[in-house]
Amino acid sequence: MSEDRHGDSMSATLPIRMLHDRILVQVDEDSGERTSKAGIVIPATAQVGKRLGWAEVVAAGPHVRQAVIGDRVLFDPADRAEVELQGNTYILLRERDVHAIAETESEAAAGLYL
């Protein structure tokens, strides 16, 4: 099966096909409970202002321009629509709801000349 830049081969592992500009992401495990620098455990439900979360793109629709499968994206957890597929919980986003895409180490170092 061929795979394009949006990973249509994901349909082999997930029972859905993404449409339009939709992105299916799986939330990073570290986006939940966290520990402060002082060692205090802060639960995921604590409201400390607006905190964005990280997730990995697992599927993307044909009109997604920037994100590709495997990218880590920054999004607002308050705007999430959850879906459960094959026992795993995913979040459905529109591409415009993604605030940033993390650069890989090689991308961050490219072009940096000191």
PDB file of N, CA and C in Angstrom:
ATOM      1  N   MET A   1       0.849  -1.176   0.000  1.00  0.00           N
ATOM      2  CA  MET A   1       0.000   0.000   0.000  1.00  0.00           C
ATOM      3  C   MET A   1       0.886   1.228   0.000  1.00  0.00           C
ATOM      4  N   SER A   2       0.625   2.194  -0.878  1.00  0.00           N
ATOM      5  CA  SER A   2       1.442   3.402  -0.916  1.00  0.00           C
ATOM      6  C   SER A   2       1.027   4.352   0.196  1.00  0.00           C
ATOM      7  N   GLU A   3       1.979   5.220   0.557  1.00  0.00           N
ATOM      8  CA  GLU A   3       1.728   6.159   1.645  1.00  0.00           C
ATOM      9  C   GLU A   3       2.067   7.557   1.156  1.00  0.00           C
ATOM     10  N   ASP A   4       1.115   8.497   1.244  1.00  0.00           N
ATOM     11  CA  ASP A   4       1.431   9.870   0.868  1.00  0.00           C
ATOM     12  C   ASP A   4       1.899  10.631   2.100  1.00  0.00           C
ATOM     13  N   ARG A   5       2.133  11.935   1.957  1.00  0.00           N
ATOM     14  CA  ARG A   5       2.694  12.714   3.063  1.00  0.00           C
ATOM     15  C   ARG A   5       1.764  12.806   4.259  1.00  0.00           C
ATOM     16  N   HIS A   6       0.493  12.543   4.067  1.00  0.00           N
ATOM     17  CA  HIS A   6      -0.450  12.571   5.184  1.00  0.00           C
ATOM     18  C   HIS A   6      -0.713  11.197   5.759  1.00  0.00           C
ATOM     19  N   GLY A   7      -0.076  10.194   5.204  1.00  0.00           N
ATOM     20  CA  GLY A   7      -0.123   8.870   5.791  1.00  0.00           C
ATOM     21  C   GLY A   7      -1.417   8.135   5.622  1.00  0.00           C
ATOM     22  N   ASP A   8      -1.953   8.113   4.416  1.00  0.00           N
ATOM     23  CA  ASP A   8      -3.184   7.378   4.195  1.00  0.00           C
ATOM     24  C   ASP A   8      -3.046   5.914   4.570  1.00  0.00           C
ATOM     25  N   SER A   9      -1.833   5.421   4.722  1.00  0.00           N
ATOM     26  CA  SER A   9      -1.666   4.032   5.130  1.00  0.00           C
ATOM     27  C   SER A   9      -2.092   3.824   6.577  1.00  0.00           C
ATOM     28  N   MET A  10      -2.325   4.906   7.325  1.00  0.00           N
ATOM     29  CA  MET A  10      -2.796   4.781   8.700  1.00  0.00           C
ATOM     30  C   MET A  10      -4.150   4.086   8.744  1.00  0.00           C
ATOM     31  N   SER A  11      -4.904   4.143   7.650  1.00  0.00           N
ATOM     32  CA  SER A  11      -6.197   3.480   7.639  1.00  0.00           C
ATOM     33  C   SER A  11      -6.049   1.976   7.851  1.00  0.00           C
ATOM     34  N   ALA A  12      -4.838   1.461   7.634  1.00  0.00           N
ATOM     35  CA  ALA A  12      -4.594   0.047   7.876  1.00  0.00           C
ATOM     36  C   ALA A  12      -4.570  -0.255   9.370  1.00  0.00           C
ATOM     37  N   THR A  13      -4.196   0.733  10.184  1.00  0.00           N
ATOM     38  CA  THR A  13      -4.143   0.511  11.624  1.00  0.00           C
ATOM     39  C   THR A  13      -5.311   1.154  12.351  1.00  0.00           C
ATOM     40  N   LEU A  14      -5.887   2.218  11.806  1.00  0.00           N
ATOM     41  CA  LEU A  14      -7.048   2.866  12.411  1.00  0.00           C
ATOM     42  C   LEU A  14      -8.244   2.683  11.489  1.00  0.00           C
ATOM     43  N   PRO A  15      -9.425   2.436  12.072  1.00  0.00           N
ATOM     44  CA  PRO A  15     -10.601   2.146  11.249  1.00  0.00           C
ATOM     45  C   PRO A  15     -11.316   3.390  10.717  1.00  0.00           C
ATOM     46  N   ILE A  16     -10.564   4.476  10.450  1.00  0.00           N
ATOM     47  CA  ILE A  16     -11.195   5.688   9.935  1.00  0.00           C
ATOM     48  C   ILE A  16     -10.320   6.298   8.840  1.00  0.00           C
ATOM     49  N   ARG A  17     -10.921   7.179   8.060  1.00  0.00           N
ATOM     50  CA  ARG A  17     -10.200   7.977   7.061  1.00  0.00           C
ATOM     51  C   ARG A  17     -10.507   9.432   7.375  1.00  0.00           C
ATOM     52  N   MET A  18      -9.479  10.228   7.600  1.00  0.00           N
ATOM     53  CA  MET A  18      -9.659  11.626   7.965  1.00  0.00           C
ATOM     54  C   MET A  18     -10.127  12.420   6.752  1.00  0.00           C
ATOM     55  N   LEU A  19     -10.973  13.416   7.003  1.00  0.00           N
ATOM     56  CA  LEU A  19     -11.511  14.254   5.938  1.00  0.00           C
ATOM     57  C   LEU A  19     -11.063  15.702   6.113  1.00  0.00           C
ATOM     58  N   HIS A  20     -11.078  16.450   5.034  1.00  0.00           N
ATOM     59  CA  HIS A  20     -10.837  17.888   5.010  1.00  0.00           C
ATOM     60  C   HIS A  20      -9.538  18.274   5.720  1.00  0.00           C
ATOM     61  N   ASP A  21      -9.633  19.220   6.676  1.00  0.00           N
ATOM     62  CA  ASP A  21      -8.432  19.712   7.368  1.00  0.00           C
ATOM     63  C   ASP A  21      -8.356  19.153   8.784  1.00  0.00           C
ATOM     64  N   ARG A  22      -8.917  17.974   8.985  1.00  0.00           N
ATOM     65  CA  ARG A  22      -8.938  17.394  10.332  1.00  0.00           C
ATOM     66  C   ARG A  22      -7.642  16.634  10.621  1.00  0.00           C
ATOM     67  N   ILE A  23      -7.242  16.699  11.896  1.00  0.00           N
ATOM     68  CA  ILE A  23      -6.046  16.012  12.372  1.00  0.00           C
ATOM     69  C   ILE A  23      -6.446  15.178  13.575  1.00  0.00           C
ATOM     70  N   LEU A  24      -6.023  13.938  13.615  1.00  0.00           N
ATOM     71  CA  LEU A  24      -6.257  13.067  14.760  1.00  0.00           C
ATOM     72  C   LEU A  24      -4.938  12.963  15.515  1.00  0.00           C
ATOM     73  N   VAL A  25      -4.976  13.288  16.812  1.00  0.00           N
ATOM     74  CA  VAL A  25      -3.757  13.287  17.614  1.00  0.00           C
ATOM     75  C   VAL A  25      -3.931  12.423  18.851  1.00  0.00           C
ATOM     76  N   GLN A  26      -2.814  11.923  19.344  1.00  0.00           N
ATOM     77  CA  GLN A  26      -2.797  11.165  20.590  1.00  0.00           C
ATOM     78  C   GLN A  26      -1.994  11.996  21.580  1.00  0.00           C
ATOM     79  N   VAL A  27      -2.608  12.309  22.717  1.00  0.00           N
ATOM     80  CA  VAL A  27      -2.003  13.193  23.700  1.00  0.00           C
ATOM     81  C   VAL A  27      -0.773  12.542  24.314  1.00  0.00           C
ATOM     82  N   ASP A  28       0.300  13.332  24.435  1.00  0.00           N
ATOM     83  CA  ASP A  28       1.514  12.866  25.095  1.00  0.00           C
ATOM     84  C   ASP A  28       1.190  12.531  26.540  1.00  0.00           C
ATOM     85  N   GLU A  29       1.813  11.496  27.047  1.00  0.00           N
ATOM     86  CA  GLU A  29       1.566  11.089  28.427  1.00  0.00           C
ATOM     87  C   GLU A  29       1.988  12.160  29.418  1.00  0.00           C
ATOM     88  N   ASP A  30       2.975  12.991  29.073  1.00  0.00           N
ATOM     89  CA  ASP A  30       3.449  14.023  29.988  1.00  0.00           C
ATOM     90  C   ASP A  30       2.541  15.248  30.023  1.00  0.00           C
ATOM     91  N   SER A  31       1.442  15.266  29.229  1.00  0.00           N
ATOM     92  CA  SER A  31       0.533  16.408  29.225  1.00  0.00           C
ATOM     93  C   SER A  31      -0.458  16.358  30.377  1.00  0.00           C
ATOM     94  N   GLY A  32      -0.451  15.295  31.143  1.00  0.00           N
ATOM     95  CA  GLY A  32      -1.373  15.181  32.261  1.00  0.00           C
ATOM     96  C   GLY A  32      -0.765  15.723  33.538  1.00  0.00           C
ATOM     97  N   GLU A  33      -0.640  14.883  34.501  1.00  0.00           N
ATOM     98  CA  GLU A  33      -0.081  15.264  35.792  1.00  0.00           C
ATOM     99  C   GLU A  33       1.385  15.659  35.629  1.00  0.00           C
ATOM    100  N   ARG A  34       1.801  16.714  36.309  1.00  0.00           N
ATOM    101  CA  ARG A  34       3.187  17.162  36.201  1.00  0.00           C
ATOM    102  C   ARG A  34       3.727  17.539  37.572  1.00  0.00           C
ATOM    103  N   THR A  35       5.026  17.677  37.666  1.00  0.00           N
ATOM    104  CA  THR A  35       5.686  18.008  38.926  1.00  0.00           C
ATOM    105  C   THR A  35       6.379  19.358  38.788  1.00  0.00           C
ATOM    106  N   SER A  36       6.185  20.232  39.776  1.00  0.00           N
ATOM    107  CA  SER A  36       6.834  21.539  39.745  1.00  0.00           C
ATOM    108  C   SER A  36       8.317  21.388  40.055  1.00  0.00           C
ATOM    109  N   LYS A  37       9.076  22.479  39.874  1.00  0.00           N
ATOM    110  CA  LYS A  37      10.506  22.446  40.165  1.00  0.00           C
ATOM    111  C   LYS A  37      10.771  22.132  41.633  1.00  0.00           C
ATOM    112  N   ALA A  38       9.827  22.491  42.495  1.00  0.00           N
ATOM    113  CA  ALA A  38       9.973  22.241  43.927  1.00  0.00           C
ATOM    114  C   ALA A  38       9.556  20.824  44.313  1.00  0.00           C
ATOM    115  N   GLY A  39       9.085  20.021  43.332  1.00  0.00           N
ATOM    116  CA  GLY A  39       8.704  18.650  43.612  1.00  0.00           C
ATOM    117  C   GLY A  39       7.235  18.461  43.948  1.00  0.00           C
ATOM    118  N   ILE A  40       6.424  19.506  43.807  1.00  0.00           N
ATOM    119  CA  ILE A  40       4.991  19.411  44.097  1.00  0.00           C
ATOM    120  C   ILE A  40       4.280  18.823  42.879  1.00  0.00           C
ATOM    121  N   VAL A  41       3.453  17.785  43.111  1.00  0.00           N
ATOM    122  CA  VAL A  41       2.702  17.149  42.031  1.00  0.00           C
ATOM    123  C   VAL A  41       1.469  17.998  41.730  1.00  0.00           C
ATOM    124  N   ILE A  42       1.323  18.398  40.457  1.00  0.00           N
ATOM    125  CA  ILE A  42       0.197  19.210  40.023  1.00  0.00           C
ATOM    126  C   ILE A  42      -0.693  18.335  39.150  1.00  0.00           C
ATOM    127  N   PRO A  43      -1.935  18.056  39.588  1.00  0.00           N
ATOM    128  CA  PRO A  43      -2.814  17.185  38.793  1.00  0.00           C
ATOM    129  C   PRO A  43      -3.222  17.845  37.479  1.00  0.00           C
ATOM    130  N   ALA A  44      -3.582  17.030  36.500  1.00  0.00           N
ATOM    131  CA  ALA A  44      -3.972  17.524  35.182  1.00  0.00           C
ATOM    132  C   ALA A  44      -5.209  18.403  35.258  1.00  0.00           C
ATOM    133  N   THR A  45      -6.033  18.224  36.290  1.00  0.00           N
ATOM    134  CA  THR A  45      -7.269  18.987  36.410  1.00  0.00           C
ATOM    135  C   THR A  45      -7.065  20.353  37.045  1.00  0.00           C
ATOM    136  N   ALA A  46      -5.869  20.649  37.544  1.00  0.00           N
ATOM    137  CA  ALA A  46      -5.600  21.940  38.188  1.00  0.00           C
ATOM    138  C   ALA A  46      -5.643  23.056  37.158  1.00  0.00           C
ATOM    139  N   GLN A  47      -6.338  24.132  37.476  1.00  0.00           N
ATOM    140  CA  GLN A  47      -6.426  25.281  36.591  1.00  0.00           C
ATOM    141  C   GLN A  47      -5.407  26.333  37.023  1.00  0.00           C
ATOM    142  N   VAL A  48      -4.373  26.510  36.230  1.00  0.00           N
ATOM    143  CA  VAL A  48      -3.324  27.476  36.541  1.00  0.00           C
ATOM    144  C   VAL A  48      -3.257  28.480  35.395  1.00  0.00           C
ATOM    145  N   GLY A  49      -4.363  28.843  34.848  1.00  0.00           N
ATOM    146  CA  GLY A  49      -4.366  29.653  33.651  1.00  0.00           C
ATOM    147  C   GLY A  49      -4.543  28.749  32.446  1.00  0.00           C
ATOM    148  N   LYS A  50      -4.355  29.302  31.287  1.00  0.00           N
ATOM    149  CA  LYS A  50      -4.527  28.524  30.068  1.00  0.00           C
ATOM    150  C   LYS A  50      -3.228  27.799  29.758  1.00  0.00           C
ATOM    151  N   ARG A  51      -3.244  26.484  29.850  1.00  0.00           N
ATOM    152  CA  ARG A  51      -2.057  25.670  29.589  1.00  0.00           C
ATOM    153  C   ARG A  51      -2.302  24.838  28.339  1.00  0.00           C
ATOM    154  N   LEU A  52      -1.426  24.989  27.377  1.00  0.00           N
ATOM    155  CA  LEU A  52      -1.524  24.233  26.141  1.00  0.00           C
ATOM    156  C   LEU A  52      -0.904  22.857  26.323  1.00  0.00           C
ATOM    157  N   GLY A  53      -1.296  21.923  25.488  1.00  0.00           N
ATOM    158  CA  GLY A  53      -0.797  20.557  25.595  1.00  0.00           C
ATOM    159  C   GLY A  53      -0.122  20.107  24.310  1.00  0.00           C
ATOM    160  N   TRP A  54       0.704  19.066  24.433  1.00  0.00           N
ATOM    161  CA  TRP A  54       1.404  18.466  23.285  1.00  0.00           C
ATOM    162  C   TRP A  54       0.747  17.147  22.919  1.00  0.00           C
ATOM    163  N   ALA A  55       0.730  16.847  21.645  1.00  0.00           N
ATOM    164  CA  ALA A  55       0.190  15.582  21.158  1.00  0.00           C
ATOM    165  C   ALA A  55       0.907  15.191  19.873  1.00  0.00           C
ATOM    166  N   GLU A  56       0.803  13.912  19.527  1.00  0.00           N
ATOM    167  CA  GLU A  56       1.418  13.410  18.300  1.00  0.00           C
ATOM    168  C   GLU A  56       0.347  13.173  17.240  1.00  0.00           C
ATOM    169  N   VAL A  57       0.606  13.633  16.033  1.00  0.00           N
ATOM    170  CA  VAL A  57      -0.322  13.440  14.916  1.00  0.00           C
ATOM    171  C   VAL A  57      -0.283  11.973  14.495  1.00  0.00           C
ATOM    172  N   VAL A  58      -1.460  11.323  14.486  1.00  0.00           N
ATOM    173  CA  VAL A  58      -1.531   9.920  14.074  1.00  0.00           C
ATOM    174  C   VAL A  58      -2.285   9.743  12.761  1.00  0.00           C
ATOM    175  N   ALA A  59      -3.031  10.771  12.332  1.00  0.00           N
ATOM    176  CA  ALA A  59      -3.733  10.737  11.047  1.00  0.00           C
ATOM    177  C   ALA A  59      -4.051  12.169  10.644  1.00  0.00           C
ATOM    178  N   ALA A  60      -4.097  12.418   9.342  1.00  0.00           N
ATOM    179  CA  ALA A  60      -4.374  13.758   8.837  1.00  0.00           C
ATOM    180  C   ALA A  60      -5.217  13.665   7.579  1.00  0.00           C
ATOM    181  N   GLY A  61      -6.125  14.624   7.427  1.00  0.00           N
ATOM    182  CA  GLY A  61      -6.974  14.667   6.247  1.00  0.00           C
ATOM    183  C   GLY A  61      -6.229  15.188   5.030  1.00  0.00           C
ATOM    184  N   PRO A  62      -6.845  15.091   3.854  1.00  0.00           N
ATOM    185  CA  PRO A  62      -6.175  15.466   2.611  1.00  0.00           C
ATOM    186  C   PRO A  62      -5.897  16.963   2.455  1.00  0.00           C
ATOM    187  N   HIS A  63      -6.582  17.820   3.209  1.00  0.00           N
ATOM    188  CA  HIS A  63      -6.389  19.265   3.085  1.00  0.00           C
ATOM    189  C   HIS A  63      -5.487  19.843   4.172  1.00  0.00           C
ATOM    190  N   VAL A  64      -4.849  18.993   4.949  1.00  0.00           N
ATOM    191  CA  VAL A  64      -3.898  19.461   5.963  1.00  0.00           C
ATOM    192  C   VAL A  64      -2.619  19.837   5.241  1.00  0.00           C
ATOM    193  N   ARG A  65      -2.123  21.062   5.478  1.00  0.00           N
ATOM    194  CA  ARG A  65      -0.960  21.559   4.746  1.00  0.00           C
ATOM    195  C   ARG A  65       0.344  21.455   5.523  1.00  0.00           C
ATOM    196  N   GLN A  66       0.304  21.668   6.824  1.00  0.00           N
ATOM    197  CA  GLN A  66       1.533  21.796   7.596  1.00  0.00           C
ATOM    198  C   GLN A  66       1.918  20.553   8.387  1.00  0.00           C
ATOM    199  N   ALA A  67       0.976  19.939   9.056  1.00  0.00           N
ATOM    200  CA  ALA A  67       1.273  18.809   9.951  1.00  0.00           C
ATOM    201  C   ALA A  67       1.287  17.500   9.177  1.00  0.00           C
ATOM    202  N   VAL A  68       2.206  16.618   9.566  1.00  0.00           N
ATOM    203  CA  VAL A  68       2.272  15.279   8.987  1.00  0.00           C
ATOM    204  C   VAL A  68       2.292  14.263  10.128  1.00  0.00           C
ATOM    205  N   ILE A  69       2.005  13.037   9.805  1.00  0.00           N
ATOM    206  CA  ILE A  69       1.983  11.974  10.811  1.00  0.00           C
ATOM    207  C   ILE A  69       3.347  11.892  11.487  1.00  0.00           C
ATOM    208  N   GLY A  70       3.312  11.834  12.803  1.00  0.00           N
ATOM    209  CA  GLY A  70       4.537  11.770  13.589  1.00  0.00           C
ATOM    210  C   GLY A  70       4.943  13.109  14.174  1.00  0.00           C
ATOM    211  N   ASP A  71       4.383  14.224  13.674  1.00  0.00           N
ATOM    212  CA  ASP A  71       4.698  15.546  14.224  1.00  0.00           C
ATOM    213  C   ASP A  71       4.149  15.683  15.639  1.00  0.00           C
ATOM    214  N   ARG A  72       4.862  16.427  16.484  1.00  0.00           N
ATOM    215  CA  ARG A  72       4.353  16.803  17.812  1.00  0.00           C
ATOM    216  C   ARG A  72       3.764  18.198  17.665  1.00  0.00           C
ATOM    217  N   VAL A  73       2.486  18.336  18.020  1.00  0.00           N
ATOM    218  CA  VAL A  73       1.797  19.613  17.854  1.00  0.00           C
ATOM    219  C   VAL A  73       1.328  20.156  19.199  1.00  0.00           C
ATOM    220  N   LEU A  74       1.266  21.491  19.272  1.00  0.00           N
ATOM    221  CA  LEU A  74       0.818  22.201  20.464  1.00  0.00           C
ATOM    222  C   LEU A  74      -0.611  22.656  20.228  1.00  0.00           C
ATOM    223  N   PHE A  75      -1.517  22.346  21.164  1.00  0.00           N
ATOM    224  CA  PHE A  75      -2.928  22.685  20.992  1.00  0.00           C
ATOM    225  C   PHE A  75      -3.540  23.064  22.337  1.00  0.00           C
ATOM    226  N   ASP A  76      -4.730  23.644  22.297  1.00  0.00           N
ATOM    227  CA  ASP A  76      -5.453  24.027  23.505  1.00  0.00           C
ATOM    228  C   ASP A  76      -6.362  22.878  23.921  1.00  0.00           C
ATOM    229  N   PRO A  77      -6.091  22.237  25.062  1.00  0.00           N
ATOM    230  CA  PRO A  77      -6.917  21.100  25.498  1.00  0.00           C
ATOM    231  C   PRO A  77      -8.383  21.457  25.757  1.00  0.00           C
ATOM    232  N   ALA A  78      -8.682  22.740  25.972  1.00  0.00           N
ATOM    233  CA  ALA A  78     -10.071  23.140  26.218  1.00  0.00           C
ATOM    234  C   ALA A  78     -10.928  22.997  24.958  1.00  0.00           C
ATOM    235  N   ASP A  79     -10.307  23.040  23.788  1.00  0.00           N
ATOM    236  CA  ASP A  79     -11.032  22.962  22.518  1.00  0.00           C
ATOM    237  C   ASP A  79     -11.036  21.563  21.925  1.00  0.00           C
ATOM    238  N   ARG A  80     -10.987  20.543  22.749  1.00  0.00           N
ATOM    239  CA  ARG A  80     -10.804  19.201  22.225  1.00  0.00           C
ATOM    240  C   ARG A  80     -12.106  18.421  22.085  1.00  0.00           C
ATOM    241  N   ALA A  81     -12.113  17.578  21.076  1.00  0.00           N
ATOM    242  CA  ALA A  81     -13.200  16.629  20.862  1.00  0.00           C
ATOM    243  C   ALA A  81     -12.556  15.248  20.892  1.00  0.00           C
ATOM    244  N   GLU A  82     -12.885  14.451  21.895  1.00  0.00           N
ATOM    245  CA  GLU A  82     -12.264  13.134  22.063  1.00  0.00           C
ATOM    246  C   GLU A  82     -13.039  12.055  21.323  1.00  0.00           C
ATOM    247  N   VAL A  83     -12.297  11.057  20.872  1.00  0.00           N
ATOM    248  CA  VAL A  83     -12.900   9.897  20.236  1.00  0.00           C
ATOM    249  C   VAL A  83     -12.091   8.676  20.669  1.00  0.00           C
ATOM    250  N   GLU A  84     -12.785   7.568  20.882  1.00  0.00           N
ATOM    251  CA  GLU A  84     -12.098   6.330  21.262  1.00  0.00           C
ATOM    252  C   GLU A  84     -12.138   5.380  20.072  1.00  0.00           C
ATOM    253  N   LEU A  85     -10.953   4.886  19.703  1.00  0.00           N
ATOM    254  CA  LEU A  85     -10.823   3.938  18.603  1.00  0.00           C
ATOM    255  C   LEU A  85      -9.948   2.787  19.051  1.00  0.00           C
ATOM    256  N   GLN A  86     -10.443   1.594  18.928  1.00  0.00           N
ATOM    257  CA  GLN A  86      -9.694   0.389  19.272  1.00  0.00           C
ATOM    258  C   GLN A  86      -9.099   0.463  20.677  1.00  0.00           C
ATOM    259  N   GLY A  87      -9.874   1.021  21.605  1.00  0.00           N
ATOM    260  CA  GLY A  87      -9.445   1.084  23.008  1.00  0.00           C
ATOM    261  C   GLY A  87      -8.506   2.231  23.345  1.00  0.00           C
ATOM    262  N   ASN A  88      -8.135   3.067  22.384  1.00  0.00           N
ATOM    263  CA  ASN A  88      -7.266   4.211  22.634  1.00  0.00           C
ATOM    264  C   ASN A  88      -8.056   5.506  22.473  1.00  0.00           C
ATOM    265  N   THR A  89      -7.725   6.517  23.266  1.00  0.00           N
ATOM    266  CA  THR A  89      -8.391   7.806  23.179  1.00  0.00           C
ATOM    267  C   THR A  89      -7.554   8.756  22.338  1.00  0.00           C
ATOM    268  N   TYR A  90      -8.206   9.389  21.379  1.00  0.00           N
ATOM    269  CA  TYR A  90      -7.578  10.358  20.485  1.00  0.00           C
ATOM    270  C   TYR A  90      -8.348  11.666  20.558  1.00  0.00           C
ATOM    271  N   ILE A  91      -7.739  12.722  20.057  1.00  0.00           N
ATOM    272  CA  ILE A  91      -8.386  14.029  19.992  1.00  0.00           C
ATOM    273  C   ILE A  91      -8.451  14.450  18.534  1.00  0.00           C
ATOM    274  N   LEU A  92      -9.600  14.967  18.145  1.00  0.00           N
ATOM    275  CA  LEU A  92      -9.825  15.430  16.784  1.00  0.00           C
ATOM    276  C   LEU A  92      -9.690  16.954  16.772  1.00  0.00           C
ATOM    277  N   LEU A  93      -8.823  17.465  15.913  1.00  0.00           N
ATOM    278  CA  LEU A  93      -8.587  18.899  15.800  1.00  0.00           C
ATOM    279  C   LEU A  93      -8.718  19.339  14.345  1.00  0.00           C
ATOM    280  N   ARG A  94      -8.954  20.625  14.142  1.00  0.00           N
ATOM    281  CA  ARG A  94      -8.794  21.218  12.824  1.00  0.00           C
ATOM    282  C   ARG A  94      -7.374  21.732  12.756  1.00  0.00           C
ATOM    283  N   GLU A  95      -6.821  21.782  11.580  1.00  0.00           N
ATOM    284  CA  GLU A  95      -5.442  22.246  11.454  1.00  0.00           C
ATOM    285  C   GLU A  95      -5.280  23.650  12.028  1.00  0.00           C
ATOM    286  N   ARG A  96      -6.281  24.500  11.883  1.00  0.00           N
ATOM    287  CA  ARG A  96      -6.183  25.872  12.399  1.00  0.00           C
ATOM    288  C   ARG A  96      -6.165  25.930  13.928  1.00  0.00           C
ATOM    289  N   ASP A  97      -6.551  24.829  14.596  1.00  0.00           N
ATOM    290  CA  ASP A  97      -6.519  24.780  16.054  1.00  0.00           C
ATOM    291  C   ASP A  97      -5.144  24.401  16.604  1.00  0.00           C
ATOM    292  N   VAL A  98      -4.223  24.060  15.726  1.00  0.00           N
ATOM    293  CA  VAL A  98      -2.855  23.732  16.139  1.00  0.00           C
ATOM    294  C   VAL A  98      -2.078  25.037  16.231  1.00  0.00           C
ATOM    295  N   HIS A  99      -1.449  25.276  17.391  1.00  0.00           N
ATOM    296  CA  HIS A  99      -0.721  26.528  17.612  1.00  0.00           C
ATOM    297  C   HIS A  99       0.718  26.459  17.119  1.00  0.00           C
ATOM    298  N   ALA A 100       1.332  25.279  17.155  1.00  0.00           N
ATOM    299  CA  ALA A 100       2.726  25.136  16.736  1.00  0.00           C
ATOM    300  C   ALA A 100       3.035  23.676  16.474  1.00  0.00           C
ATOM    301  N   ILE A 101       4.106  23.465  15.708  1.00  0.00           N
ATOM    302  CA  ILE A 101       4.631  22.121  15.459  1.00  0.00           C
ATOM    303  C   ILE A 101       6.064  22.112  15.957  1.00  0.00           C
ATOM    304  N   ALA A 102       6.402  21.134  16.790  1.00  0.00           N
ATOM    305  CA  ALA A 102       7.753  21.043  17.340  1.00  0.00           C
ATOM    306  C   ALA A 102       8.738  20.699  16.238  1.00  0.00           C
ATOM    307  N   GLU A 103       9.890  21.333  16.283  1.00  0.00           N
ATOM    308  CA  GLU A 103      10.956  21.014  15.345  1.00  0.00           C
ATOM    309  C   GLU A 103      11.750  19.833  15.877  1.00  0.00           C
ATOM    310  N   THR A 104      12.244  19.022  14.966  1.00  0.00           N
ATOM    311  CA  THR A 104      13.129  17.948  15.384  1.00  0.00           C
ATOM    312  C   THR A 104      14.492  18.563  15.662  1.00  0.00           C
ATOM    313  N   GLU A 105      15.350  17.837  16.340  1.00  0.00           N
ATOM    314  CA  GLU A 105      16.675  18.369  16.676  1.00  0.00           C
ATOM    315  C   GLU A 105      17.452  18.735  15.428  1.00  0.00           C
ATOM    316  N   SER A 106      17.351  17.950  14.366  1.00  0.00           N
ATOM    317  CA  SER A 106      18.099  18.240  13.157  1.00  0.00           C
ATOM    318  C   SER A 106      17.578  19.510  12.473  1.00  0.00           C
ATOM    319  N   GLU A 107      16.242  19.762  12.545  1.00  0.00           N
ATOM    320  CA  GLU A 107      15.687  20.980  11.968  1.00  0.00           C
ATOM    321  C   GLU A 107      16.097  22.203  12.768  1.00  0.00           C
ATOM    322  N   ALA A 108      16.147  22.070  14.093  1.00  0.00           N
ATOM    323  CA  ALA A 108      16.508  23.195  14.942  1.00  0.00           C
ATOM    324  C   ALA A 108      17.958  23.574  14.745  1.00  0.00           C
ATOM    325  N   ALA A 109      18.828  22.592  14.492  1.00  0.00           N
ATOM    326  CA  ALA A 109      20.252  22.865  14.324  1.00  0.00           C
ATOM    327  C   ALA A 109      20.596  23.344  12.915  1.00  0.00           C
ATOM    328  N   ALA A 110      19.773  23.023  11.951  1.00  0.00           N
ATOM    329  CA  ALA A 110      20.049  23.415  10.566  1.00  0.00           C
ATOM    330  C   ALA A 110      20.016  24.928  10.433  1.00  0.00           C
ATOM    331  N   GLY A 111      21.016  25.477   9.782  1.00  0.00           N
ATOM    332  CA  GLY A 111      21.056  26.915   9.570  1.00  0.00           C
ATOM    333  C   GLY A 111      21.645  27.698  10.714  1.00  0.00           C
ATOM    334  N   LEU A 112      22.046  27.033  11.775  1.00  0.00           N
ATOM    335  CA  LEU A 112      22.616  27.708  12.929  1.00  0.00           C
ATOM    336  C   LEU A 112      24.123  27.672  12.806  1.00  0.00           C
ATOM    337  N   TYR A 113      24.693  28.794  12.461  1.00  0.00           N
ATOM    338  CA  TYR A 113      26.134  28.879  12.291  1.00  0.00           C
ATOM    339  C   TYR A 113      26.697  29.878  13.289  1.00  0.00           C
ATOM    340  N   LEU A 114      27.555  29.413  14.164  1.00  0.00           N
ATOM    341  CA  LEU A 114      28.164  30.300  15.166  1.00  0.00           C
ATOM    342  C   LEU A 114      29.652  30.385  14.973  1.00  0.00           C
TER     343      LEU A 114
END
